[in-house]
Amino acid sequence: MKTILGMSFPVVVVAAIFFFSWLFSCINILKEYERGVIFRLGRVLPQPKGPGLIFVFKPFDSITRVALRTIVLDVPPQDIITKDNVSVKVNAVVYFRVFNPLNAILQVENYIYATSQLSQTTLRSILGQVELDDLLSEREKLNKELQTVLDQHTDPWGIKVALVEIKQVDLPQDMQRAMALQAEAEREKRAKIIHADGEFQASKQLSEAAAILAQNPTTMQLRYLQTLTEISTENHSTVIFPIPIEFLTNLIKK
């Protein structure tokens, strides 16, 4: 049987197959948004690899891929008791990304799960310190506060929290009815104020008009005639003739 360097041909073929299999397993291609954290004999290399073609010398090296794209994390609804003792359900969404792959792997076991749990506890903690009216009207301020607190806690993990948004606030049915009654009462209050203001302005206008008409009695007579003309243009079976107020006053005096 033919030999190559003292080895039989089948052995060489098997060795070549194992060699190329090992070589191909050591070749890794990382995408543009990926980085590879390399552990060599259990110790991490100082710089992550990638993107592009990298070589991992197995079995002495191992690689952990880390994505640098922004991750959208949906925070499930949380039962929260506000400062004024109202029970509500609040859910939110968190946008974060990894800026330091080494810390994301070394400082925490699962950075996505850890960020999710931290988001839930922070949401309950921060929103439990505000009243219901502030929770409904000051969302932008609360979003900024949540983002700041989360970013401070996740910074040692190599994670940057870019944005936190409160999605929905679910109120109990009795609270919804109470708020509806309050809103209706507010609308009635504004309607009465507007109506009273209109009456006040109308009385001022009538007072000014009466003062002008009182300066010349002839204008009052002309006004009476104008009113008769307006009535005559309409087809009414009843004829209304205005009597001057001065005439009635003289009768009352007599």
Protein backbone atom coordinates (compact mmCIF):
# COMPACT_ATOMS: atom_id res chain seq x y z
CA MET A 1 0.00 0.00 0.00
CA LYS A 2 1.33 3.44 -0.93
CA THR A 3 2.51 5.61 1.92
CA ILE A 4 3.11 9.32 2.30
CA LEU A 5 5.84 10.21 4.81
CA GLY A 6 5.50 6.81 6.41
CA MET A 7 1.67 7.00 6.69
CA SER A 8 -0.83 5.07 4.66
CA PHE A 9 -3.03 6.97 2.23
CA PRO A 10 -6.34 6.42 4.15
CA VAL A 11 -4.74 7.80 7.31
CA VAL A 12 -3.60 10.89 5.44
CA VAL A 13 -7.09 11.42 4.03
CA VAL A 14 -8.68 11.10 7.45
CA ALA A 15 -6.11 13.45 8.95
CA ALA A 16 -6.71 15.98 6.16
CA ILE A 17 -10.46 15.81 6.76
CA PHE A 18 -10.01 16.42 10.47
CA PHE A 19 -7.56 19.24 9.82
CA PHE A 20 -9.81 21.11 7.40
CA SER A 21 -12.84 20.54 9.64
CA TRP A 22 -10.93 22.07 12.55
CA LEU A 23 -9.70 24.92 10.34
CA PHE A 24 -13.19 25.79 9.14
CA SER A 25 -14.55 25.63 12.70
CA CYS A 26 -11.92 28.15 13.75
CA ILE A 27 -12.97 30.64 11.08
CA ASN A 28 -15.76 32.99 12.19
CA ILE A 29 -17.42 35.80 10.28
CA LEU A 30 -18.87 38.61 12.36
CA LYS A 31 -21.40 41.03 10.91
CA GLU A 32 -20.96 44.78 11.04
CA TYR A 33 -23.09 45.13 14.19
CA GLU A 34 -21.42 42.20 16.01
CA ARG A 35 -18.32 41.91 18.16
CA GLY A 36 -16.64 38.77 19.45
CA VAL A 37 -15.38 38.48 23.02
CA ILE A 38 -12.52 35.94 22.95
CA PHE A 39 -11.56 33.79 25.94
CA ARG A 40 -8.13 32.16 25.66
CA LEU A 41 -7.55 29.44 28.23
CA GLY A 42 -10.26 31.05 30.35
CA ARG A 43 -8.82 34.56 30.21
CA VAL A 44 -10.50 37.25 28.17
CA LEU A 45 -8.52 39.09 25.52
CA PRO A 46 -8.27 42.84 26.13
CA GLN A 47 -10.04 43.84 22.91
CA PRO A 48 -13.13 42.31 21.29
CA LYS A 49 -12.76 41.10 17.71
CA GLY A 50 -14.68 42.00 14.61
CA PRO A 51 -16.37 42.78 12.40
CA GLY A 52 -15.34 40.65 9.46
CA LEU A 53 -13.29 37.45 9.32
CA ILE A 54 -11.63 36.39 12.57
CA PHE A 55 -9.75 33.25 13.60
CA VAL A 56 -10.56 31.47 16.87
CA PHE A 57 -7.87 28.98 17.83
CA LYS A 58 -9.97 26.11 19.15
CA PRO A 59 -10.08 24.41 21.62
CA PHE A 60 -7.92 26.95 23.46
CA ASP A 61 -10.09 29.88 22.39
CA SER A 62 -13.82 30.36 22.73
CA ILE A 63 -15.95 33.20 21.35
CA THR A 64 -19.08 34.94 22.61
CA ARG A 65 -20.94 37.09 20.10
CA VAL A 66 -22.40 40.41 21.27
CA ALA A 67 -24.78 42.51 19.15
CA LEU A 68 -24.32 46.28 19.25
CA ARG A 69 -27.69 47.19 17.76
CA THR A 70 -30.40 48.89 19.81
CA ILE A 71 -32.57 46.37 21.63
CA VAL A 72 -36.25 47.10 22.21
CA LEU A 73 -37.38 45.67 25.55
CA ASP A 74 -41.08 45.47 26.34
CA VAL A 75 -41.67 45.83 30.08
CA PRO A 76 -44.79 43.80 31.05
CA PRO A 77 -47.62 45.52 32.98
CA GLN A 78 -46.70 46.22 36.58
CA ASP A 79 -49.11 46.61 39.52
CA ILE A 80 -48.32 50.00 41.04
CA ILE A 81 -49.86 51.83 44.00
CA THR A 82 -49.41 55.56 43.48
CA LYS A 83 -48.62 58.08 46.19
CA ASP A 84 -52.34 58.85 46.62
CA ASN A 85 -53.14 55.12 47.08
CA VAL A 86 -54.58 54.38 43.64
CA SER A 87 -53.87 50.92 42.18
CA VAL A 88 -52.96 51.03 38.48
CA LYS A 89 -51.27 48.82 35.89
CA VAL A 90 -48.45 50.43 33.91
CA ASN A 91 -46.31 49.01 31.10
CA ALA A 92 -43.40 50.61 29.30
CA VAL A 93 -40.79 50.08 26.58
CA VAL A 94 -37.02 50.46 27.01
CA TYR A 95 -34.50 51.11 24.21
CA PHE A 96 -30.90 50.19 25.06
CA ARG A 97 -27.70 49.01 23.38
CA VAL A 98 -24.33 47.55 24.35
CA PHE A 99 -21.43 49.99 24.11
CA ASN A 100 -18.85 47.84 25.94
CA PRO A 101 -19.02 44.15 24.93
CA LEU A 102 -16.43 43.09 27.53
CA ASN A 103 -18.42 44.45 30.47
CA ALA A 104 -21.68 43.11 29.06
CA ILE A 105 -20.21 39.58 29.21
CA LEU A 106 -17.98 39.83 32.28
CA GLN A 107 -20.02 41.97 34.68
CA VAL A 108 -23.42 40.30 34.34
CA GLU A 109 -24.57 36.80 33.43
CA ASN A 110 -27.36 37.75 31.03
CA TYR A 111 -27.47 41.47 30.31
CA ILE A 112 -30.85 41.38 28.52
CA TYR A 113 -32.57 39.54 31.37
CA ALA A 114 -30.84 41.73 33.96
CA THR A 115 -31.95 44.91 32.18
CA SER A 116 -35.51 43.58 31.97
CA GLN A 117 -35.68 42.85 35.70
CA LEU A 118 -34.10 46.18 36.59
CA SER A 119 -36.61 48.00 34.34
CA GLN A 120 -39.55 46.36 36.11
CA THR A 121 -38.32 47.18 39.61
CA THR A 122 -37.37 50.75 38.65
CA LEU A 123 -40.77 51.31 37.06
CA ARG A 124 -42.55 50.25 40.26
CA SER A 125 -40.19 52.25 42.45
CA ILE A 126 -40.31 55.56 40.56
CA LEU A 127 -44.02 55.60 39.67
CA GLY A 128 -44.97 54.57 43.21
CA GLN A 129 -43.64 57.94 44.42
CA VAL A 130 -45.94 60.11 42.27
CA GLU A 131 -49.65 60.86 42.41
CA LEU A 132 -52.11 59.69 39.80
CA ASP A 133 -52.57 63.14 38.26
CA ASP A 134 -48.81 63.50 37.76
CA LEU A 135 -48.63 60.00 36.30
CA LEU A 136 -51.22 60.94 33.68
CA SER A 137 -50.01 64.47 32.91
CA GLU A 138 -46.23 64.42 33.52
CA ARG A 139 -45.23 61.44 31.38
CA GLU A 140 -42.36 63.22 29.66
CA LYS A 141 -40.78 64.12 32.99
CA LEU A 142 -41.24 60.58 34.34
CA ASN A 143 -39.76 59.08 31.17
CA LYS A 144 -36.62 61.19 31.63
CA GLU A 145 -36.34 60.19 35.29
CA LEU A 146 -36.73 56.48 34.47
CA GLN A 147 -34.13 56.72 31.70
CA THR A 148 -31.63 58.46 34.01
CA VAL A 149 -32.00 55.91 36.83
CA LEU A 150 -31.76 52.91 34.49
CA ASP A 151 -28.74 54.35 32.68
CA GLN A 152 -26.89 54.88 35.96
CA HIS A 153 -27.48 51.28 37.08
CA THR A 154 -26.65 49.64 33.73
CA ASP A 155 -23.54 51.70 32.96
CA PRO A 156 -21.19 49.26 34.81
CA TRP A 157 -22.61 46.50 32.59
CA GLY A 158 -21.55 48.35 29.43
CA ILE A 159 -25.15 49.16 28.52
CA LYS A 160 -26.50 52.54 27.45
CA VAL A 161 -30.24 53.16 28.00
CA ALA A 162 -31.26 55.55 25.25
CA LEU A 163 -34.98 55.96 25.87
CA VAL A 164 -37.78 54.87 28.20
CA GLU A 165 -41.43 55.41 27.30
CA ILE A 166 -44.50 54.71 29.43
CA LYS A 167 -46.90 53.01 27.04
CA GLN A 168 -50.20 52.63 28.86
CA VAL A 169 -51.79 53.28 32.24
CA ASP A 170 -54.77 51.03 33.06
CA LEU A 171 -57.12 52.48 35.68
CA PRO A 172 -59.75 50.58 37.71
CA GLN A 173 -63.35 50.91 36.53
CA ASP A 174 -64.50 52.84 39.59
CA MET A 175 -61.63 55.30 39.15
CA GLN A 176 -62.53 55.76 35.48
CA ARG A 177 -66.13 56.55 36.44
CA ALA A 178 -64.97 59.00 39.12
CA MET A 179 -62.67 60.76 36.65
CA ALA A 180 -65.48 60.91 34.09
CA LEU A 181 -67.76 62.56 36.65
CA GLN A 182 -65.00 64.98 37.60
CA ALA A 183 -64.42 65.90 33.96
CA GLU A 184 -68.15 66.40 33.42
CA ALA A 185 -68.36 68.64 36.49
CA GLU A 186 -65.41 70.67 35.20
CA ARG A 187 -67.11 71.13 31.83
CA GLU A 188 -70.35 72.27 33.50
CA LYS A 189 -68.37 74.65 35.67
CA ARG A 190 -66.67 76.21 32.63
CA ALA A 191 -70.02 76.41 30.80
CA LYS A 192 -71.65 78.27 33.70
CA ILE A 193 -68.70 80.65 33.98
CA ILE A 194 -68.81 81.38 30.24
CA HIS A 195 -72.59 81.89 30.39
CA ALA A 196 -72.32 84.25 33.39
CA ASP A 197 -69.55 86.20 31.66
CA GLY A 198 -71.73 86.53 28.56
CA GLU A 199 -74.64 87.83 30.63
CA PHE A 200 -72.32 90.32 32.31
CA GLN A 201 -70.98 91.62 29.00
CA ALA A 202 -74.51 91.78 27.55
CA SER A 203 -75.73 93.82 30.54
CA LYS A 204 -72.87 96.27 30.07
CA GLN A 205 -73.71 96.67 26.39
CA LEU A 206 -77.41 97.17 27.16
CA SER A 207 -76.54 99.73 29.82
CA GLU A 208 -74.38 101.67 27.36
CA ALA A 209 -77.11 101.48 24.69
CA ALA A 210 -79.76 102.73 27.14
CA ALA A 211 -77.54 105.64 28.11
CA ILE A 212 -77.13 106.62 24.46
CA LEU A 213 -80.86 106.35 23.72
CA ALA A 214 -81.73 108.37 26.81
CA GLN A 215 -79.79 111.34 25.49
CA ASN A 216 -82.35 111.88 22.68
CA PRO A 217 -85.98 110.68 23.10
CA THR A 218 -86.51 110.76 19.33
CA THR A 219 -84.14 107.83 18.88
CA MET A 220 -86.40 105.74 21.08
CA GLN A 221 -89.36 106.47 18.84
CA LEU A 222 -87.34 105.58 15.77
CA ARG A 223 -86.41 102.31 17.45
CA TYR A 224 -90.10 101.56 18.05
CA LEU A 225 -90.89 102.23 14.41
CA GLN A 226 -88.04 99.98 13.29
CA THR A 227 -89.37 97.19 15.50
CA LEU A 228 -92.85 97.58 13.94
CA THR A 229 -91.31 97.38 10.47
CA GLU A 230 -89.52 94.15 11.38
CA ILE A 231 -92.70 92.63 12.77
CA SER A 232 -94.76 93.61 9.73
CA THR A 233 -92.43 91.78 7.35
CA GLU A 234 -93.38 88.46 8.95
CA ASN A 235 -96.77 86.82 8.50
CA HIS A 236 -98.12 86.75 12.03
CA SER A 237 -101.74 86.58 13.02
CA THR A 238 -100.96 88.53 16.16
CA VAL A 239 -100.10 92.20 15.92
CA ILE A 240 -97.77 93.46 18.61
CA PHE A 241 -97.59 97.17 19.23
CA PRO A 242 -94.84 98.29 21.57
CA ILE A 243 -95.90 100.83 24.22
CA PRO A 244 -93.29 103.29 25.46
CA ILE A 245 -92.08 102.58 28.95
CA GLU A 246 -92.49 106.26 29.83
CA PHE A 247 -96.20 106.03 29.09
CA LEU A 248 -96.64 103.14 31.52
CA THR A 249 -94.58 104.99 34.12
CA ASN A 250 -96.86 108.01 33.93
CA LEU A 251 -99.91 105.77 34.38
CA ILE A 252 -98.39 104.11 37.42
CA LYS A 253 -97.63 107.49 38.98
CA LYS A 254 -101.21 108.73 38.45
